[in-house]
Amino acid sequence: RREHPQVALRMEVGNSVQLLQSLRTENIEFFAADVSDMPRDAALDIQLIGGQPANLYVRAGHPLAGREHTLQEVWAYGLAVPTLLSPSTVELAALLGLPEGQEATIALECDNYGMLKTVALTTDTVLGATDAAVREELESGALVRLVVQGWLSPPSSTGIVRLRGRTSSPAAKAAIAAIVRAAGEINV
């Protein structure tokens, strides 16, 4: 907006399945999302722009804040995550040591980071997110990152997704360039 104040934009927020549907119906020109599970489709052009690992966070003053814990200890408080970062329930069950065939249940899945942060800041629920998603809350001390034994989250694989063979509008080109610049500053 600073570089092109005269340009009007419409932004849609959702998970990658919803955004892919909007892209295919040409309601949007592109979207940025974790593309790890994106279907292999010749109709899509995916430009990789890096990614970030997910970490676990709690509000300042949370009973878990300030020391190392096991995943089982953390799990007792419930995990809130955006759908795109939702870990496999089977993998989580294995990490938690649950009996074979039993799946772990995520306490809250939501595609709105604002809502997830509100839940984490006002309850004892543990938030799974990236540092970039909670930067302000980390800097202010409202949220703290947990140290959890055995918690390894591979970086997401973020990309810009467009329909192949389409010419992007000048507004879309400018928005994509801004997203790529921002991603270069925060992604691994």
N, C-alpha and C. Protein backbone atom coordinates (compact mmCIF):
# COMPACT_ATOMS: atom_id res chain seq x y z
N ARG A 1 0.84 -1.20 0.00
CA ARG A 1 0.00 0.00 0.00
C ARG A 1 0.87 1.25 0.00
N ARG A 2 2.02 1.23 0.69
CA ARG A 2 2.90 2.40 0.71
C ARG A 2 3.44 2.71 -0.69
N GLU A 3 3.83 1.68 -1.41
CA GLU A 3 4.42 1.87 -2.73
C GLU A 3 3.39 2.19 -3.80
N HIS A 4 2.17 1.67 -3.65
CA HIS A 4 1.13 1.84 -4.67
C HIS A 4 -0.20 2.19 -3.99
N PRO A 5 -0.32 3.37 -3.38
CA PRO A 5 -1.54 3.70 -2.63
C PRO A 5 -2.80 3.79 -3.49
N GLN A 6 -2.64 3.98 -4.79
CA GLN A 6 -3.80 4.10 -5.67
C GLN A 6 -4.41 2.76 -6.05
N VAL A 7 -3.72 1.67 -5.75
CA VAL A 7 -4.19 0.34 -6.15
C VAL A 7 -5.16 -0.21 -5.10
N ALA A 8 -6.30 -0.66 -5.57
CA ALA A 8 -7.29 -1.30 -4.69
C ALA A 8 -7.09 -2.81 -4.74
N LEU A 9 -7.06 -3.45 -3.59
CA LEU A 9 -6.85 -4.89 -3.51
C LEU A 9 -8.00 -5.56 -2.77
N ARG A 10 -8.21 -6.81 -3.09
CA ARG A 10 -9.15 -7.64 -2.33
C ARG A 10 -8.35 -8.83 -1.85
N MET A 11 -8.32 -9.01 -0.53
CA MET A 11 -7.55 -10.10 0.05
C MET A 11 -8.51 -11.15 0.60
N GLU A 12 -8.20 -12.40 0.35
CA GLU A 12 -8.99 -13.51 0.86
C GLU A 12 -8.10 -14.32 1.78
N VAL A 13 -8.57 -14.63 2.98
CA VAL A 13 -7.81 -15.44 3.93
C VAL A 13 -8.51 -16.78 4.07
N GLY A 14 -7.74 -17.85 4.02
CA GLY A 14 -8.31 -19.18 4.17
C GLY A 14 -7.21 -20.21 4.14
N ASN A 15 -7.59 -21.47 4.19
CA ASN A 15 -6.57 -22.51 4.09
C ASN A 15 -6.28 -22.78 2.62
N SER A 16 -5.27 -23.57 2.35
CA SER A 16 -4.84 -23.77 0.96
C SER A 16 -5.90 -24.45 0.11
N VAL A 17 -6.73 -25.30 0.70
CA VAL A 17 -7.81 -25.94 -0.08
C VAL A 17 -8.82 -24.89 -0.54
N GLN A 18 -9.23 -24.01 0.37
CA GLN A 18 -10.17 -22.95 0.02
C GLN A 18 -9.57 -22.00 -1.02
N LEU A 19 -8.31 -21.63 -0.80
CA LEU A 19 -7.67 -20.69 -1.71
C LEU A 19 -7.47 -21.30 -3.10
N LEU A 20 -7.15 -22.58 -3.14
CA LEU A 20 -6.99 -23.25 -4.44
C LEU A 20 -8.31 -23.25 -5.20
N GLN A 21 -9.40 -23.46 -4.51
CA GLN A 21 -10.71 -23.43 -5.15
C GLN A 21 -10.99 -22.02 -5.70
N SER A 22 -10.69 -20.99 -4.93
CA SER A 22 -10.89 -19.61 -5.41
C SER A 22 -10.00 -19.30 -6.61
N LEU A 23 -8.79 -19.84 -6.59
CA LEU A 23 -7.88 -19.64 -7.72
C LEU A 23 -8.42 -20.33 -8.98
N ARG A 24 -8.86 -21.56 -8.85
CA ARG A 24 -9.36 -22.31 -10.01
C ARG A 24 -10.61 -21.66 -10.62
N THR A 25 -11.43 -21.02 -9.79
CA THR A 25 -12.62 -20.34 -10.30
C THR A 25 -12.30 -18.89 -10.68
N GLU A 26 -11.03 -18.54 -10.59
CA GLU A 26 -10.51 -17.22 -10.97
C GLU A 26 -11.12 -16.09 -10.16
N ASN A 27 -11.47 -16.38 -8.90
CA ASN A 27 -11.90 -15.32 -7.99
C ASN A 27 -10.71 -14.58 -7.42
N ILE A 28 -9.54 -15.24 -7.43
CA ILE A 28 -8.28 -14.60 -7.03
C ILE A 28 -7.24 -14.90 -8.09
N GLU A 29 -6.20 -14.06 -8.16
CA GLU A 29 -5.14 -14.26 -9.16
C GLU A 29 -4.02 -15.17 -8.66
N PHE A 30 -3.80 -15.18 -7.35
CA PHE A 30 -2.73 -15.97 -6.77
C PHE A 30 -2.99 -16.11 -5.28
N PHE A 31 -2.24 -16.98 -4.65
CA PHE A 31 -2.23 -17.02 -3.19
C PHE A 31 -0.88 -17.50 -2.71
N ALA A 32 -0.57 -17.20 -1.45
CA ALA A 32 0.65 -17.65 -0.80
C ALA A 32 0.22 -18.61 0.31
N ALA A 33 0.87 -19.78 0.36
CA ALA A 33 0.50 -20.79 1.36
C ALA A 33 1.60 -21.83 1.45
N ASP A 34 1.49 -22.70 2.45
CA ASP A 34 2.35 -23.87 2.53
C ASP A 34 1.93 -24.79 1.39
N VAL A 35 2.86 -25.13 0.53
CA VAL A 35 2.54 -25.93 -0.65
C VAL A 35 3.01 -27.38 -0.53
N SER A 36 3.40 -27.78 0.68
CA SER A 36 3.90 -29.15 0.90
C SER A 36 2.90 -30.19 0.42
N ASP A 37 1.62 -29.95 0.69
CA ASP A 37 0.59 -30.92 0.31
C ASP A 37 -0.21 -30.51 -0.91
N MET A 38 0.29 -29.53 -1.65
CA MET A 38 -0.42 -29.05 -2.84
C MET A 38 -0.42 -30.15 -3.89
N PRO A 39 -1.57 -30.40 -4.49
CA PRO A 39 -1.61 -31.46 -5.51
C PRO A 39 -0.70 -31.13 -6.68
N ARG A 40 -0.06 -32.15 -7.21
CA ARG A 40 0.78 -31.96 -8.41
C ARG A 40 -0.18 -31.77 -9.58
N ASP A 41 -0.13 -30.59 -10.18
CA ASP A 41 -1.11 -30.25 -11.20
C ASP A 41 -0.44 -29.36 -12.23
N ALA A 42 -0.45 -29.79 -13.48
CA ALA A 42 0.18 -29.03 -14.55
C ALA A 42 -0.47 -27.66 -14.75
N ALA A 43 -1.68 -27.47 -14.24
CA ALA A 43 -2.37 -26.18 -14.39
C ALA A 43 -1.88 -25.14 -13.39
N LEU A 44 -1.04 -25.57 -12.43
CA LEU A 44 -0.57 -24.65 -11.41
C LEU A 44 0.89 -24.28 -11.61
N ASP A 45 1.20 -23.03 -11.35
CA ASP A 45 2.57 -22.53 -11.33
C ASP A 45 2.88 -22.18 -9.89
N ILE A 46 3.86 -22.86 -9.29
CA ILE A 46 4.20 -22.65 -7.88
C ILE A 46 5.62 -22.10 -7.80
N GLN A 47 5.73 -20.92 -7.20
CA GLN A 47 7.02 -20.26 -6.99
C GLN A 47 7.38 -20.39 -5.51
N LEU A 48 8.40 -21.22 -5.20
CA LEU A 48 8.78 -21.42 -3.81
C LEU A 48 9.47 -20.17 -3.25
N ILE A 49 9.11 -19.82 -2.00
CA ILE A 49 9.69 -18.62 -1.38
C ILE A 49 10.23 -18.89 0.02
N GLY A 50 10.49 -20.16 0.35
CA GLY A 50 11.07 -20.50 1.65
C GLY A 50 10.03 -21.07 2.59
N GLY A 51 10.31 -21.01 3.87
CA GLY A 51 9.39 -21.52 4.86
C GLY A 51 9.92 -21.29 6.26
N GLN A 52 9.15 -21.69 7.24
CA GLN A 52 9.52 -21.52 8.64
C GLN A 52 9.10 -22.73 9.44
N PRO A 53 9.89 -23.09 10.45
CA PRO A 53 9.45 -24.17 11.33
C PRO A 53 8.38 -23.66 12.29
N ALA A 54 7.52 -24.56 12.71
CA ALA A 54 6.51 -24.21 13.72
C ALA A 54 7.11 -24.46 15.10
N ASN A 55 6.78 -23.59 16.03
CA ASN A 55 7.19 -23.74 17.42
C ASN A 55 5.95 -23.72 18.29
N LEU A 56 6.13 -23.95 19.57
CA LEU A 56 5.02 -23.95 20.51
C LEU A 56 5.17 -22.76 21.45
N TYR A 57 4.05 -22.06 21.70
CA TYR A 57 4.07 -20.83 22.49
C TYR A 57 2.95 -20.85 23.52
N VAL A 58 3.19 -20.15 24.62
CA VAL A 58 2.17 -19.97 25.66
C VAL A 58 2.21 -18.52 26.12
N ARG A 59 1.14 -18.11 26.78
CA ARG A 59 1.08 -16.75 27.32
C ARG A 59 2.09 -16.61 28.45
N ALA A 60 2.54 -15.40 28.67
CA ALA A 60 3.42 -15.12 29.80
C ALA A 60 2.65 -15.49 31.07
N GLY A 61 3.32 -16.12 32.02
CA GLY A 61 2.66 -16.53 33.25
C GLY A 61 2.00 -17.90 33.17
N HIS A 62 2.03 -18.53 32.02
CA HIS A 62 1.47 -19.87 31.84
C HIS A 62 2.23 -20.85 32.74
N PRO A 63 1.56 -21.87 33.28
CA PRO A 63 2.26 -22.85 34.13
C PRO A 63 3.46 -23.53 33.45
N LEU A 64 3.48 -23.60 32.13
CA LEU A 64 4.59 -24.25 31.42
C LEU A 64 5.75 -23.30 31.10
N ALA A 65 5.52 -22.00 31.21
CA ALA A 65 6.53 -21.02 30.80
C ALA A 65 7.78 -21.11 31.68
N GLY A 66 8.94 -20.99 31.03
CA GLY A 66 10.18 -20.84 31.77
C GLY A 66 11.00 -22.08 32.01
N ARG A 67 10.55 -23.24 31.58
CA ARG A 67 11.37 -24.43 31.75
C ARG A 67 11.06 -25.45 30.64
N GLU A 68 11.91 -26.45 30.51
CA GLU A 68 11.74 -27.46 29.47
C GLU A 68 10.70 -28.49 29.89
N HIS A 69 9.95 -28.99 28.89
CA HIS A 69 8.88 -29.95 29.16
C HIS A 69 8.90 -31.07 28.14
N THR A 70 8.18 -32.13 28.47
CA THR A 70 7.95 -33.19 27.50
C THR A 70 6.72 -32.81 26.69
N LEU A 71 6.56 -33.44 25.55
CA LEU A 71 5.38 -33.19 24.73
C LEU A 71 4.12 -33.63 25.47
N GLN A 72 4.21 -34.68 26.25
CA GLN A 72 3.05 -35.14 27.02
C GLN A 72 2.59 -34.07 28.01
N GLU A 73 3.52 -33.39 28.66
CA GLU A 73 3.16 -32.32 29.61
C GLU A 73 2.47 -31.17 28.88
N VAL A 74 3.01 -30.83 27.73
CA VAL A 74 2.44 -29.74 26.93
C VAL A 74 1.05 -30.13 26.42
N TRP A 75 0.92 -31.36 25.95
CA TRP A 75 -0.32 -31.84 25.35
C TRP A 75 -1.49 -31.74 26.31
N ALA A 76 -1.23 -31.88 27.58
CA ALA A 76 -2.30 -31.84 28.59
C ALA A 76 -3.06 -30.51 28.57
N TYR A 77 -2.44 -29.46 28.05
CA TYR A 77 -3.07 -28.14 27.99
C TYR A 77 -3.85 -27.90 26.70
N GLY A 78 -3.71 -28.78 25.73
CA GLY A 78 -4.39 -28.62 24.45
C GLY A 78 -3.56 -27.80 23.49
N LEU A 79 -3.63 -28.14 22.23
CA LEU A 79 -2.85 -27.47 21.19
C LEU A 79 -3.79 -26.77 20.20
N ALA A 80 -3.51 -25.49 19.94
CA ALA A 80 -4.26 -24.70 18.95
C ALA A 80 -3.32 -24.41 17.79
N VAL A 81 -3.74 -24.76 16.58
CA VAL A 81 -2.89 -24.58 15.41
C VAL A 81 -3.71 -24.16 14.19
N PRO A 82 -3.06 -23.43 13.27
CA PRO A 82 -3.74 -23.19 11.99
C PRO A 82 -3.77 -24.51 11.22
N THR A 83 -4.78 -24.69 10.40
CA THR A 83 -4.93 -25.94 9.66
C THR A 83 -3.67 -26.28 8.89
N LEU A 84 -3.03 -25.30 8.28
CA LEU A 84 -1.87 -25.58 7.46
C LEU A 84 -0.68 -26.06 8.27
N LEU A 85 -0.63 -25.78 9.56
CA LEU A 85 0.46 -26.27 10.40
C LEU A 85 0.05 -27.47 11.23
N SER A 86 -1.17 -27.92 11.06
CA SER A 86 -1.67 -29.02 11.88
C SER A 86 -0.83 -30.27 11.65
N PRO A 87 -0.17 -30.73 12.70
CA PRO A 87 0.65 -31.93 12.53
C PRO A 87 -0.22 -33.16 12.32
N SER A 88 0.38 -34.17 11.72
CA SER A 88 -0.32 -35.43 11.50
C SER A 88 -0.73 -36.02 12.84
N THR A 89 -2.01 -36.39 12.97
CA THR A 89 -2.49 -36.97 14.22
C THR A 89 -1.82 -38.31 14.49
N VAL A 90 -1.42 -39.00 13.43
CA VAL A 90 -0.73 -40.28 13.59
C VAL A 90 0.68 -40.03 14.12
N GLU A 91 1.39 -39.05 13.53
CA GLU A 91 2.74 -38.72 14.01
C GLU A 91 2.71 -38.23 15.45
N LEU A 92 1.73 -37.40 15.77
CA LEU A 92 1.59 -36.91 17.15
C LEU A 92 1.33 -38.05 18.11
N ALA A 93 0.48 -38.97 17.72
CA ALA A 93 0.18 -40.12 18.58
C ALA A 93 1.45 -40.89 18.89
N ALA A 94 2.31 -41.07 17.89
CA ALA A 94 3.57 -41.78 18.11
C ALA A 94 4.47 -40.99 19.06
N LEU A 95 4.58 -39.67 18.84
CA LEU A 95 5.39 -38.83 19.73
C LEU A 95 4.87 -38.84 21.16
N LEU A 96 3.56 -38.92 21.30
CA LEU A 96 2.94 -38.93 22.63
C LEU A 96 2.96 -40.30 23.29
N GLY A 97 3.35 -41.32 22.52
CA GLY A 97 3.38 -42.67 23.07
C GLY A 97 2.01 -43.29 23.23
N LEU A 98 1.04 -42.86 22.42
CA LEU A 98 -0.31 -43.42 22.49
C LEU A 98 -0.31 -44.83 21.90
N PRO A 99 -1.23 -45.67 22.34
CA PRO A 99 -1.32 -47.03 21.77
C PRO A 99 -1.54 -46.98 20.26
N GLU A 100 -1.00 -47.98 19.57
CA GLU A 100 -1.15 -48.04 18.12
C GLU A 100 -2.63 -48.01 17.73
N GLY A 101 -2.94 -47.22 16.71
CA GLY A 101 -4.31 -47.10 16.25
C GLY A 101 -5.07 -45.93 16.88
N GLN A 102 -4.54 -45.40 17.97
CA GLN A 102 -5.19 -44.26 18.62
C GLN A 102 -4.57 -42.97 18.07
N GLU A 103 -5.42 -42.04 17.68
CA GLU A 103 -4.94 -40.77 17.13
C GLU A 103 -4.98 -39.68 18.19
N ALA A 104 -4.07 -38.73 18.08
CA ALA A 104 -4.05 -37.57 18.96
C ALA A 104 -5.06 -36.55 18.43
N THR A 105 -5.72 -35.86 19.32
CA THR A 105 -6.73 -34.88 18.93
C THR A 105 -6.21 -33.47 19.17
N ILE A 106 -6.27 -32.64 18.14
CA ILE A 106 -5.89 -31.23 18.26
C ILE A 106 -7.05 -30.51 18.96
N ALA A 107 -6.74 -29.67 19.95
CA ALA A 107 -7.79 -28.97 20.71
C ALA A 107 -8.52 -27.94 19.85
N LEU A 108 -7.78 -27.20 19.00
CA LEU A 108 -8.39 -26.16 18.18
C LEU A 108 -7.61 -25.98 16.89
N GLU A 109 -8.30 -26.15 15.77
CA GLU A 109 -7.75 -25.84 14.45
C GLU A 109 -8.53 -24.66 13.90
N CYS A 110 -7.81 -23.64 13.44
CA CYS A 110 -8.46 -22.43 12.92
C CYS A 110 -7.50 -21.75 11.96
N ASP A 111 -8.02 -21.24 10.86
CA ASP A 111 -7.17 -20.58 9.88
C ASP A 111 -6.94 -19.10 10.17
N ASN A 112 -7.46 -18.62 11.28
CA ASN A 112 -7.32 -17.21 11.63
C ASN A 112 -6.31 -17.08 12.78
N TYR A 113 -5.11 -16.56 12.45
CA TYR A 113 -4.07 -16.42 13.47
C TYR A 113 -4.50 -15.48 14.59
N GLY A 114 -5.28 -14.46 14.28
CA GLY A 114 -5.75 -13.54 15.31
C GLY A 114 -6.56 -14.29 16.37
N MET A 115 -7.44 -15.17 15.92
CA MET A 115 -8.25 -15.96 16.85
C MET A 115 -7.38 -16.91 17.66
N LEU A 116 -6.44 -17.58 16.99
CA LEU A 116 -5.56 -18.51 17.69
C LEU A 116 -4.74 -17.80 18.76
N LYS A 117 -4.22 -16.62 18.42
CA LYS A 117 -3.44 -15.86 19.40
C LYS A 117 -4.31 -15.42 20.57
N THR A 118 -5.54 -15.01 20.29
CA THR A 118 -6.45 -14.61 21.37
C THR A 118 -6.69 -15.78 22.32
N VAL A 119 -6.91 -16.97 21.79
CA VAL A 119 -7.12 -18.15 22.63
C VAL A 119 -5.88 -18.42 23.48
N ALA A 120 -4.70 -18.37 22.87
CA ALA A 120 -3.47 -18.64 23.61
C ALA A 120 -3.20 -17.57 24.68
N LEU A 121 -3.55 -16.32 24.38
CA LEU A 121 -3.31 -15.24 25.33
C LEU A 121 -4.31 -15.20 26.48
N THR A 122 -5.47 -15.82 26.31
CA THR A 122 -6.52 -15.73 27.33
C THR A 122 -6.84 -17.07 28.01
N THR A 123 -6.15 -18.15 27.60
CA THR A 123 -6.38 -19.46 28.22
C THR A 123 -5.02 -20.12 28.41
N ASP A 124 -5.03 -21.35 28.87
CA ASP A 124 -3.79 -22.11 29.01
C ASP A 124 -3.49 -22.98 27.79
N THR A 125 -4.24 -22.78 26.71
CA THR A 125 -4.02 -23.53 25.47
C THR A 125 -2.66 -23.17 24.89
N VAL A 126 -1.95 -24.16 24.36
CA VAL A 126 -0.64 -23.98 23.75
C VAL A 126 -0.84 -23.68 22.26
N LEU A 127 -0.14 -22.69 21.75
CA LEU A 127 -0.25 -22.28 20.36
C LEU A 127 0.89 -22.84 19.54
N GLY A 128 0.56 -23.49 18.43
CA GLY A 128 1.56 -23.92 17.45
C GLY A 128 1.56 -22.91 16.32
N ALA A 129 2.68 -22.25 16.09
CA ALA A 129 2.76 -21.20 15.06
C ALA A 129 4.22 -20.99 14.69
N THR A 130 4.45 -20.04 13.81
CA THR A 130 5.81 -19.66 13.44
C THR A 130 6.18 -18.38 14.18
N ASP A 131 7.48 -18.14 14.31
CA ASP A 131 7.92 -16.90 14.96
C ASP A 131 7.35 -15.67 14.26
N ALA A 132 7.29 -15.70 12.93
CA ALA A 132 6.79 -14.53 12.19
C ALA A 132 5.33 -14.25 12.53
N ALA A 133 4.54 -15.30 12.75
CA ALA A 133 3.12 -15.13 13.03
C ALA A 133 2.87 -14.51 14.40
N VAL A 134 3.82 -14.66 15.31
CA VAL A 134 3.64 -14.14 16.67
C VAL A 134 4.75 -13.16 17.06
N ARG A 135 5.37 -12.54 16.08
CA ARG A 135 6.52 -11.65 16.32
C ARG A 135 6.21 -10.56 17.35
N GLU A 136 5.11 -9.85 17.16
CA GLU A 136 4.77 -8.75 18.08
C GLU A 136 4.55 -9.27 19.50
N GLU A 137 3.87 -10.38 19.63
CA GLU A 137 3.59 -10.95 20.95
C GLU A 137 4.87 -11.45 21.63
N LEU A 138 5.81 -11.97 20.84
CA LEU A 138 7.10 -12.39 21.40
C LEU A 138 7.91 -11.17 21.85
N GLU A 139 7.94 -10.14 21.00
CA GLU A 139 8.70 -8.93 21.33
C GLU A 139 8.15 -8.22 22.57
N SER A 140 6.82 -8.23 22.72
CA SER A 140 6.21 -7.57 23.87
C SER A 140 6.27 -8.44 25.13
N GLY A 141 6.58 -9.72 24.97
CA GLY A 141 6.62 -10.63 26.11
C GLY A 141 5.27 -11.24 26.44
N ALA A 142 4.25 -10.96 25.63
CA ALA A 142 2.92 -11.52 25.88
C ALA A 142 2.90 -13.03 25.66
N LEU A 143 3.66 -13.51 24.67
CA LEU A 143 3.83 -14.94 24.42
C LEU A 143 5.29 -15.31 24.60
N VAL A 144 5.52 -16.54 25.05
CA VAL A 144 6.89 -17.06 25.16
C VAL A 144 6.95 -18.41 24.46
N ARG A 145 8.11 -18.68 23.88
CA ARG A 145 8.30 -19.95 23.18
C ARG A 145 8.64 -21.03 24.21
N LEU A 146 8.01 -22.18 24.05
CA LEU A 146 8.29 -23.32 24.92
C LEU A 146 9.48 -24.11 24.41
N VAL A 147 10.20 -24.70 25.33
CA VAL A 147 11.24 -25.66 24.99
C VAL A 147 10.64 -27.03 25.30
N VAL A 148 10.49 -27.83 24.23
CA VAL A 148 9.81 -29.11 24.36
C VAL A 148 10.71 -30.22 23.85
N GLN A 149 11.00 -31.19 24.72
CA GLN A 149 11.84 -32.33 24.34
C GLN A 149 11.16 -33.08 23.19
N GLY A 150 11.92 -33.35 22.14
CA GLY A 150 11.40 -34.15 21.03
C GLY A 150 10.53 -33.40 20.04
N TRP A 151 10.33 -32.08 20.22
CA TRP A 151 9.50 -31.32 19.27
C TRP A 151 10.40 -30.86 18.13
N LEU A 152 10.24 -31.48 17.00
CA LEU A 152 10.97 -31.09 15.80
C LEU A 152 9.96 -30.83 14.70
N SER A 153 9.91 -29.62 14.23
CA SER A 153 8.98 -29.29 13.17
C SER A 153 9.78 -28.86 11.94
N PRO A 154 9.70 -29.64 10.87
CA PRO A 154 10.43 -29.21 9.67
C PRO A 154 9.82 -27.92 9.14
N PRO A 155 10.64 -27.09 8.49
CA PRO A 155 10.10 -25.85 7.95
C PRO A 155 8.97 -26.12 6.94
N SER A 156 8.02 -25.22 6.93
CA SER A 156 6.98 -25.29 5.92
C SER A 156 7.63 -25.05 4.56
N SER A 157 6.91 -25.30 3.52
CA SER A 157 7.38 -25.04 2.17
C SER A 157 6.40 -24.04 1.56
N THR A 158 6.71 -22.77 1.74
CA THR A 158 5.79 -21.71 1.32
C THR A 158 6.01 -21.37 -0.15
N GLY A 159 4.90 -21.11 -0.84
CA GLY A 159 4.99 -20.75 -2.25
C GLY A 159 3.88 -19.84 -2.68
N ILE A 160 4.11 -19.17 -3.79
CA ILE A 160 3.09 -18.36 -4.47
C ILE A 160 2.48 -19.28 -5.52
N VAL A 161 1.16 -19.43 -5.49
CA VAL A 161 0.47 -20.34 -6.41
C VAL A 161 -0.37 -19.52 -7.38
N ARG A 162 -0.16 -19.77 -8.67
CA ARG A 162 -0.92 -19.10 -9.74
C ARG A 162 -1.37 -20.15 -10.74
N LEU A 163 -2.30 -19.77 -11.58
CA LEU A 163 -2.68 -20.63 -12.69
C LEU A 163 -1.63 -20.47 -13.78
N ARG A 164 -1.13 -21.56 -14.29
CA ARG A 164 -0.10 -21.54 -15.33
C ARG A 164 -0.65 -20.89 -16.60
N GLY A 165 0.20 -20.09 -17.23
CA GLY A 165 -0.14 -19.50 -18.51
C GLY A 165 -0.97 -18.22 -18.41
N ARG A 166 -1.28 -17.77 -17.21
CA ARG A 166 -2.05 -16.54 -17.04
C ARG A 166 -1.09 -15.38 -16.84
N THR A 167 -1.43 -14.25 -17.40
CA THR A 167 -0.65 -13.03 -17.18
C THR A 167 -1.19 -12.32 -15.95
N SER A 168 -0.30 -12.07 -15.01
CA SER A 168 -0.71 -11.40 -13.77
C SER A 168 -0.95 -9.92 -14.02
N SER A 169 -1.94 -9.38 -13.34
CA SER A 169 -2.21 -7.95 -13.41
C SER A 169 -1.04 -7.19 -12.77
N PRO A 170 -0.88 -5.91 -13.08
CA PRO A 170 0.17 -5.12 -12.43
C PRO A 170 0.04 -5.13 -10.90
N ALA A 171 -1.19 -5.08 -10.39
CA ALA A 171 -1.41 -5.10 -8.94
C ALA A 171 -0.93 -6.43 -8.35
N ALA A 172 -1.25 -7.54 -9.03
CA ALA A 172 -0.82 -8.85 -8.55
C ALA A 172 0.70 -8.96 -8.59
N LYS A 173 1.32 -8.46 -9.66
CA LYS A 173 2.79 -8.50 -9.75
C LYS A 173 3.42 -7.73 -8.60
N ALA A 174 2.88 -6.56 -8.29
CA ALA A 174 3.42 -5.74 -7.19
C ALA A 174 3.20 -6.44 -5.84
N ALA A 175 2.04 -7.04 -5.64
CA ALA A 175 1.75 -7.73 -4.39
C ALA A 175 2.66 -8.95 -4.23
N ILE A 176 2.85 -9.70 -5.29
CA ILE A 176 3.73 -10.88 -5.24
C ILE A 176 5.15 -10.45 -4.93
N ALA A 177 5.62 -9.39 -5.57
CA ALA A 177 6.97 -8.90 -5.30
C ALA A 177 7.13 -8.50 -3.83
N ALA A 178 6.11 -7.87 -3.27
CA ALA A 178 6.16 -7.48 -1.85
C ALA A 178 6.18 -8.71 -0.95
N ILE A 179 5.39 -9.72 -1.28
CA ILE A 179 5.36 -10.96 -0.48
C ILE A 179 6.71 -11.67 -0.55
N VAL A 180 7.29 -11.73 -1.75
CA VAL A 180 8.59 -12.39 -1.93
C VAL A 180 9.66 -11.65 -1.13
N ARG A 181 9.65 -10.31 -1.15
CA ARG A 181 10.62 -9.53 -0.36
C ARG A 181 10.45 -9.81 1.13
N ALA A 182 9.21 -9.79 1.61
CA ALA A 182 8.94 -10.04 3.04
C ALA A 182 9.35 -11.46 3.41
N ALA A 183 9.06 -12.42 2.55
CA ALA A 183 9.43 -13.81 2.83
C ALA A 183 10.95 -13.96 2.91
N GLY A 184 11.66 -13.23 2.05
CA GLY A 184 13.12 -13.29 2.08
C GLY A 184 13.71 -12.81 3.40
N GLU A 185 12.98 -11.95 4.09
CA GLU A 185 13.45 -11.43 5.38
C GLU A 185 13.16 -12.37 6.54
N ILE A 186 12.14 -13.23 6.42
CA ILE A 186 11.75 -14.06 7.56
C ILE A 186 11.88 -15.55 7.36
N ASN A 187 11.95 -16.01 6.13
CA ASN A 187 11.94 -17.45 5.87
C ASN A 187 13.33 -18.05 5.89
N VAL A 188 13.37 -19.35 6.15
CA VAL A 188 14.64 -20.07 6.13
C VAL A 188 14.80 -20.77 4.78
